[in-house]
């Protein structure tokens, strides 16, 4: 299973969208500062996720969320 997720920075109220196969592990990585590009925005809270059977479907949905229409 693959997941598309949206996190909200509790510090700056900004959103981050991503996809992963292990949702809990990925959120822990974000909140521990292992993702350098968004390290300054921690802590995060999970506000939304969707589950997909293939990575291709998850990537397409992530692309939609990051587009102008999906925001």
PDB file of N, CA and C in Angstrom:
ATOM      1  N   UNK A   1       0.829  -1.182   0.000  1.00  0.00           N
ATOM      2  CA  UNK A   1       0.000   0.000   0.000  1.00  0.00           C
ATOM      3  C   UNK A   1       0.880   1.254   0.000  1.00  0.00           C
ATOM      4  N   UNK A   2       0.398   2.274  -0.647  1.00  0.00           N
ATOM      5  CA  UNK A   2       1.068   3.573  -0.671  1.00  0.00           C
ATOM      6  C   UNK A   2       0.107   4.632  -0.148  1.00  0.00           C
ATOM      7  N   UNK A   3       0.670   5.662   0.431  1.00  0.00           N
ATOM      8  CA  UNK A   3      -0.129   6.718   1.027  1.00  0.00           C
ATOM      9  C   UNK A   3       0.283   8.081   0.492  1.00  0.00           C
ATOM     10  N   UNK A   4      -0.685   8.941   0.319  1.00  0.00           N
ATOM     11  CA  UNK A   4      -0.450  10.358   0.071  1.00  0.00           C
ATOM     12  C   UNK A   4      -0.916  11.048   1.346  1.00  0.00           C
ATOM     13  N   UNK A   5      -0.095  11.976   1.838  1.00  0.00           N
ATOM     14  CA  UNK A   5      -0.420  12.603   3.114  1.00  0.00           C
ATOM     15  C   UNK A   5      -0.200  14.104   3.052  1.00  0.00           C
ATOM     16  N   UNK A   6      -0.886  14.794   3.934  1.00  0.00           N
ATOM     17  CA  UNK A   6      -0.707  16.234   4.085  1.00  0.00           C
ATOM     18  C   UNK A   6      -0.424  16.506   5.549  1.00  0.00           C
ATOM     19  N   UNK A   7       0.682  17.192   5.787  1.00  0.00           N
ATOM     20  CA  UNK A   7       1.070  17.582   7.131  1.00  0.00           C
ATOM     21  C   UNK A   7       0.886  19.084   7.286  1.00  0.00           C
ATOM     22  N   UNK A   8       0.620  19.511   8.506  1.00  0.00           N
ATOM     23  CA  UNK A   8       0.537  20.935   8.811  1.00  0.00           C
ATOM     24  C   UNK A   8       1.585  21.261   9.858  1.00  0.00           C
ATOM     25  N   UNK A   9       2.376  22.291   9.587  1.00  0.00           N
ATOM     26  CA  UNK A   9       3.356  22.750  10.549  1.00  0.00           C
ATOM     27  C   UNK A   9       2.626  23.467  11.679  1.00  0.00           C
ATOM     28  N   UNK A  10       2.822  23.014  12.892  1.00  0.00           N
ATOM     29  CA  UNK A  10       2.196  23.663  14.044  1.00  0.00           C
ATOM     30  C   UNK A  10       2.840  25.014  14.319  1.00  0.00           C
ATOM     31  N   UNK A  11       4.066  25.181  13.882  1.00  0.00           N
ATOM     32  CA  UNK A  11       4.823  26.399  14.140  1.00  0.00           C
ATOM     33  C   UNK A  11       4.457  27.533  13.183  1.00  0.00           C
ATOM     34  N   UNK A  12       4.268  27.205  11.891  1.00  0.00           N
ATOM     35  CA  UNK A  12       4.040  28.227  10.876  1.00  0.00           C
ATOM     36  C   UNK A  12       2.719  28.082  10.128  1.00  0.00           C
ATOM     37  N   UNK A  13       1.926  27.059  10.450  1.00  0.00           N
ATOM     38  CA  UNK A  13       0.649  26.802   9.788  1.00  0.00           C
ATOM     39  C   UNK A  13       0.802  26.636   8.272  1.00  0.00           C
ATOM     40  N   UNK A  14       1.888  26.021   7.841  1.00  0.00           N
ATOM     41  CA  UNK A  14       2.126  25.721   6.429  1.00  0.00           C
ATOM     42  C   UNK A  14       1.851  24.238   6.207  1.00  0.00           C
ATOM     43  N   UNK A  15       1.514  23.881   4.961  1.00  0.00           N
ATOM     44  CA  UNK A  15       1.210  22.497   4.627  1.00  0.00           C
ATOM     45  C   UNK A  15       2.320  21.869   3.798  1.00  0.00           C
ATOM     46  N   UNK A  16       2.493  20.561   3.975  1.00  0.00           N
ATOM     47  CA  UNK A  16       3.460  19.784   3.213  1.00  0.00           C
ATOM     48  C   UNK A  16       2.755  18.534   2.718  1.00  0.00           C
ATOM     49  N   UNK A  17       2.893  18.235   1.449  1.00  0.00           N
ATOM     50  CA  UNK A  17       2.276  17.050   0.846  1.00  0.00           C
ATOM     51  C   UNK A  17       3.359  16.096   0.391  1.00  0.00           C
ATOM     52  N   UNK A  18       3.157  14.807   0.631  1.00  0.00           N
ATOM     53  CA  UNK A  18       4.127  13.801   0.223  1.00  0.00           C
ATOM     54  C   UNK A  18       3.461  12.456   0.029  1.00  0.00           C
ATOM     55  N   UNK A  19       4.265  11.472  -0.349  1.00  0.00           N
ATOM     56  CA  UNK A  19       3.758  10.108  -0.499  1.00  0.00           C
ATOM     57  C   UNK A  19       4.799   9.148   0.041  1.00  0.00           C
ATOM     58  N   UNK A  20       4.334   8.004   0.533  1.00  0.00           N
ATOM     59  CA  UNK A  20       5.223   7.028   1.148  1.00  0.00           C
ATOM     60  C   UNK A  20       4.554   5.664   1.211  1.00  0.00           C
ATOM     61  N   UNK A  21       5.353   4.641   1.497  1.00  0.00           N
ATOM     62  CA  UNK A  21       4.798   3.310   1.728  1.00  0.00           C
ATOM     63  C   UNK A  21       4.577   3.048   3.216  1.00  0.00           C
ATOM     64  N   UNK A  22       5.294   3.784   4.082  1.00  0.00           N
ATOM     65  CA  UNK A  22       5.175   3.606   5.523  1.00  0.00           C
ATOM     66  C   UNK A  22       4.853   4.965   6.150  1.00  0.00           C
ATOM     67  N   UNK A  23       3.594   5.211   6.364  1.00  0.00           N
ATOM     68  CA  UNK A  23       3.125   6.522   6.804  1.00  0.00           C
ATOM     69  C   UNK A  23       3.666   6.912   8.182  1.00  0.00           C
ATOM     70  N   UNK A  24       3.572   6.028   9.156  1.00  0.00           N
ATOM     71  CA  UNK A  24       4.020   6.354  10.509  1.00  0.00           C
ATOM     72  C   UNK A  24       5.514   6.661  10.554  1.00  0.00           C
ATOM     73  N   UNK A  25       6.302   5.855   9.859  1.00  0.00           N
ATOM     74  CA  UNK A  25       7.752   6.072   9.828  1.00  0.00           C
ATOM     75  C   UNK A  25       8.079   7.413   9.177  1.00  0.00           C
ATOM     76  N   UNK A  26       7.377   7.743   8.112  1.00  0.00           N
ATOM     77  CA  UNK A  26       7.661   8.983   7.387  1.00  0.00           C
ATOM     78  C   UNK A  26       7.322  10.207   8.238  1.00  0.00           C
ATOM     79  N   UNK A  27       6.228  10.162   8.967  1.00  0.00           N
ATOM     80  CA  UNK A  27       5.862  11.277   9.843  1.00  0.00           C
ATOM     81  C   UNK A  27       6.912  11.446  10.944  1.00  0.00           C
ATOM     82  N   UNK A  28       7.389  10.330  11.498  1.00  0.00           N
ATOM     83  CA  UNK A  28       8.445  10.383  12.510  1.00  0.00           C
ATOM     84  C   UNK A  28       9.712  11.017  11.935  1.00  0.00           C
ATOM     85  N   UNK A  29      10.048  10.677  10.683  1.00  0.00           N
ATOM     86  CA  UNK A  29      11.224  11.249  10.037  1.00  0.00           C
ATOM     87  C   UNK A  29      11.069  12.764   9.877  1.00  0.00           C
ATOM     88  N   UNK A  30       9.894  13.201   9.473  1.00  0.00           N
ATOM     89  CA  UNK A  30       9.647  14.635   9.333  1.00  0.00           C
ATOM     90  C   UNK A  30       9.796  15.342  10.682  1.00  0.00           C
ATOM     91  N   UNK A  31       9.195  14.793  11.711  1.00  0.00           N
ATOM     92  CA  UNK A  31       9.206  15.447  13.021  1.00  0.00           C
ATOM     93  C   UNK A  31      10.544  15.353  13.748  1.00  0.00           C
ATOM     94  N   UNK A  32      11.415  14.444  13.325  1.00  0.00           N
ATOM     95  CA  UNK A  32      12.730  14.342  13.957  1.00  0.00           C
ATOM     96  C   UNK A  32      13.775  15.180  13.222  1.00  0.00           C
ATOM     97  N   UNK A  33      13.387  15.832  12.115  1.00  0.00           N
ATOM     98  CA  UNK A  33      14.304  16.709  11.396  1.00  0.00           C
ATOM     99  C   UNK A  33      15.144  16.024  10.343  1.00  0.00           C
ATOM    100  N   UNK A  34      14.805  14.795   9.964  1.00  0.00           N
ATOM    101  CA  UNK A  34      15.581  14.067   8.958  1.00  0.00           C
ATOM    102  C   UNK A  34      15.317  14.547   7.538  1.00  0.00           C
ATOM    103  N   UNK A  35      14.251  15.303   7.340  1.00  0.00           N
ATOM    104  CA  UNK A  35      13.952  15.885   6.034  1.00  0.00           C
ATOM    105  C   UNK A  35      14.438  17.328   6.064  1.00  0.00           C
ATOM    106  N   UNK A  36      15.612  17.554   5.478  1.00  0.00           N
ATOM    107  CA  UNK A  36      16.283  18.853   5.603  1.00  0.00           C
ATOM    108  C   UNK A  36      15.477  20.012   5.031  1.00  0.00           C
ATOM    109  N   UNK A  37      14.754  19.779   3.942  1.00  0.00           N
ATOM    110  CA  UNK A  37      14.060  20.881   3.280  1.00  0.00           C
ATOM    111  C   UNK A  37      12.937  21.488   4.120  1.00  0.00           C
ATOM    112  N   UNK A  38      12.402  20.742   5.069  1.00  0.00           N
ATOM    113  CA  UNK A  38      11.308  21.264   5.896  1.00  0.00           C
ATOM    114  C   UNK A  38      11.628  21.204   7.386  1.00  0.00           C
ATOM    115  N   UNK A  39      12.885  21.022   7.708  1.00  0.00           N
ATOM    116  CA  UNK A  39      13.319  20.894   9.108  1.00  0.00           C
ATOM    117  C   UNK A  39      12.912  22.109   9.947  1.00  0.00           C
ATOM    118  N   UNK A  40      12.971  23.296   9.366  1.00  0.00           N
ATOM    119  CA  UNK A  40      12.659  24.521  10.109  1.00  0.00           C
ATOM    120  C   UNK A  40      11.186  24.617  10.499  1.00  0.00           C
ATOM    121  N   UNK A  41      10.335  23.802   9.882  1.00  0.00           N
ATOM    122  CA  UNK A  41       8.892  23.899  10.110  1.00  0.00           C
ATOM    123  C   UNK A  41       8.362  22.914  11.143  1.00  0.00           C
ATOM    124  N   UNK A  42       9.210  22.074  11.728  1.00  0.00           N
ATOM    125  CA  UNK A  42       8.730  21.100  12.701  1.00  0.00           C
ATOM    126  C   UNK A  42       8.277  21.805  13.975  1.00  0.00           C
ATOM    127  N   UNK A  43       7.313  21.271  14.673  1.00  0.00           N
ATOM    128  CA  UNK A  43       6.651  19.975  14.557  1.00  0.00           C
ATOM    129  C   UNK A  43       5.477  19.996  13.566  1.00  0.00           C
ATOM    130  N   UNK A  44       5.160  18.810  13.060  1.00  0.00           N
ATOM    131  CA  UNK A  44       4.060  18.628  12.117  1.00  0.00           C
ATOM    132  C   UNK A  44       2.966  17.771  12.729  1.00  0.00           C
ATOM    133  N   UNK A  45       1.764  17.965  12.217  1.00  0.00           N
ATOM    134  CA  UNK A  45       0.666  17.069  12.559  1.00  0.00           C
ATOM    135  C   UNK A  45       0.037  16.581  11.252  1.00  0.00           C
ATOM    136  N   UNK A  46      -0.370  15.335  11.247  1.00  0.00           N
ATOM    137  CA  UNK A  46      -1.031  14.754  10.084  1.00  0.00           C
ATOM    138  C   UNK A  46      -2.458  15.275  10.042  1.00  0.00           C
ATOM    139  N   UNK A  47      -2.837  15.894   8.923  1.00  0.00           N
ATOM    140  CA  UNK A  47      -4.198  16.409   8.826  1.00  0.00           C
ATOM    141  C   UNK A  47      -5.034  15.648   7.801  1.00  0.00           C
ATOM    142  N   UNK A  48      -4.362  14.894   6.883  1.00  0.00           N
ATOM    143  CA  UNK A  48      -5.119  14.164   5.867  1.00  0.00           C
ATOM    144  C   UNK A  48      -4.232  13.104   5.237  1.00  0.00           C
ATOM    145  N   UNK A  49      -4.817  11.955   4.889  1.00  0.00           N
ATOM    146  CA  UNK A  49      -4.093  10.955   4.102  1.00  0.00           C
ATOM    147  C   UNK A  49      -5.076  10.121   3.301  1.00  0.00           C
ATOM    148  N   UNK A  50      -4.580   9.561   2.207  1.00  0.00           N
ATOM    149  CA  UNK A  50      -5.329   8.630   1.375  1.00  0.00           C
ATOM    150  C   UNK A  50      -4.450   7.416   1.124  1.00  0.00           C
ATOM    151  N   UNK A  51      -5.083   6.254   0.975  1.00  0.00           N
ATOM    152  CA  UNK A  51      -4.384   4.994   0.750  1.00  0.00           C
ATOM    153  C   UNK A  51      -4.618   4.538  -0.683  1.00  0.00           C
ATOM    154  N   UNK A  52      -3.552   4.051  -1.335  1.00  0.00           N
ATOM    155  CA  UNK A  52      -3.634   3.572  -2.717  1.00  0.00           C
ATOM    156  C   UNK A  52      -2.969   2.212  -2.834  1.00  0.00           C
ATOM    157  N   UNK A  53      -3.420   1.426  -3.793  1.00  0.00           N
ATOM    158  CA  UNK A  53      -2.857   0.089  -3.965  1.00  0.00           C
ATOM    159  C   UNK A  53      -1.554   0.108  -4.769  1.00  0.00           C
ATOM    160  N   UNK A  54      -1.319   1.160  -5.564  1.00  0.00           N
ATOM    161  CA  UNK A  54      -0.073   1.247  -6.329  1.00  0.00           C
ATOM    162  C   UNK A  54       0.607   2.597  -6.105  1.00  0.00           C
ATOM    163  N   UNK A  55       1.919   2.594  -6.295  1.00  0.00           N
ATOM    164  CA  UNK A  55       2.689   3.833  -6.150  1.00  0.00           C
ATOM    165  C   UNK A  55       2.316   4.822  -7.247  1.00  0.00           C
ATOM    166  N   UNK A  56       2.012   4.314  -8.431  1.00  0.00           N
ATOM    167  CA  UNK A  56       1.640   5.184  -9.550  1.00  0.00           C
ATOM    168  C   UNK A  56       0.403   6.009  -9.200  1.00  0.00           C
ATOM    169  N   UNK A  57      -0.605   5.369  -8.618  1.00  0.00           N
ATOM    170  CA  UNK A  57      -1.818   6.088  -8.213  1.00  0.00           C
ATOM    171  C   UNK A  57      -1.497   7.153  -7.159  1.00  0.00           C
ATOM    172  N   UNK A  58      -0.647   6.800  -6.210  1.00  0.00           N
ATOM    173  CA  UNK A  58      -0.279   7.736  -5.150  1.00  0.00           C
ATOM    174  C   UNK A  58       0.469   8.937  -5.722  1.00  0.00           C
ATOM    175  N   UNK A  59       1.385   8.697  -6.651  1.00  0.00           N
ATOM    176  CA  UNK A  59       2.140   9.791  -7.262  1.00  0.00           C
ATOM    177  C   UNK A  59       1.233  10.727  -8.056  1.00  0.00           C
ATOM    178  N   UNK A  60       0.245  10.162  -8.749  1.00  0.00           N
ATOM    179  CA  UNK A  60      -0.702  10.983  -9.513  1.00  0.00           C
ATOM    180  C   UNK A  60      -1.530  11.864  -8.571  1.00  0.00           C
ATOM    181  N   UNK A  61      -1.948  11.297  -7.450  1.00  0.00           N
ATOM    182  CA  UNK A  61      -2.742  12.061  -6.484  1.00  0.00           C
ATOM    183  C   UNK A  61      -1.890  13.140  -5.812  1.00  0.00           C
ATOM    184  N   UNK A  62      -0.655  12.807  -5.493  1.00  0.00           N
ATOM    185  CA  UNK A  62       0.252  13.797  -4.910  1.00  0.00           C
ATOM    186  C   UNK A  62       0.465  14.956  -5.886  1.00  0.00           C
ATOM    187  N   UNK A  63       0.645  14.624  -7.149  1.00  0.00           N
ATOM    188  CA  UNK A  63       0.826  15.654  -8.177  1.00  0.00           C
ATOM    189  C   UNK A  63      -0.404  16.564  -8.241  1.00  0.00           C
ATOM    190  N   UNK A  64      -1.584  15.973  -8.118  1.00  0.00           N
ATOM    191  CA  UNK A  64      -2.817  16.769  -8.113  1.00  0.00           C
ATOM    192  C   UNK A  64      -2.838  17.737  -6.929  1.00  0.00           C
ATOM    193  N   UNK A  65      -2.523  17.228  -5.741  1.00  0.00           N
ATOM    194  CA  UNK A  65      -2.530  18.076  -4.531  1.00  0.00           C
ATOM    195  C   UNK A  65      -1.535  19.221  -4.641  1.00  0.00           C
ATOM    196  N   UNK A  66      -0.442  19.006  -5.347  1.00  0.00           N
ATOM    197  CA  UNK A  66       0.590  20.040  -5.479  1.00  0.00           C
ATOM    198  C   UNK A  66       0.298  20.995  -6.651  1.00  0.00           C
ATOM    199  N   UNK A  67      -0.729  20.692  -7.436  1.00  0.00           N
ATOM    200  CA  UNK A  67      -1.106  21.559  -8.539  1.00  0.00           C
ATOM    201  C   UNK A  67      -1.975  22.713  -8.040  1.00  0.00           C
ATOM    202  N   UNK A  68      -2.228  23.662  -8.881  1.00  0.00           N
ATOM    203  CA  UNK A  68      -3.075  24.794  -8.509  1.00  0.00           C
ATOM    204  C   UNK A  68      -4.484  24.372  -8.159  1.00  0.00           C
ATOM    205  N   UNK A  69      -5.035  23.415  -8.884  1.00  0.00           N
ATOM    206  CA  UNK A  69      -6.400  22.948  -8.628  1.00  0.00           C
ATOM    207  C   UNK A  69      -6.520  22.177  -7.324  1.00  0.00           C
ATOM    208  N   UNK A  70      -5.489  21.447  -6.971  1.00  0.00           N
ATOM    209  CA  UNK A  70      -5.523  20.582  -5.803  1.00  0.00           C
ATOM    210  C   UNK A  70      -5.287  21.283  -4.484  1.00  0.00           C
ATOM    211  N   UNK A  71      -4.757  22.480  -4.527  1.00  0.00           N
ATOM    212  CA  UNK A  71      -4.471  23.185  -3.275  1.00  0.00           C
ATOM    213  C   UNK A  71      -5.762  23.679  -2.682  1.00  0.00           C
TER     214      UNK A  71
END
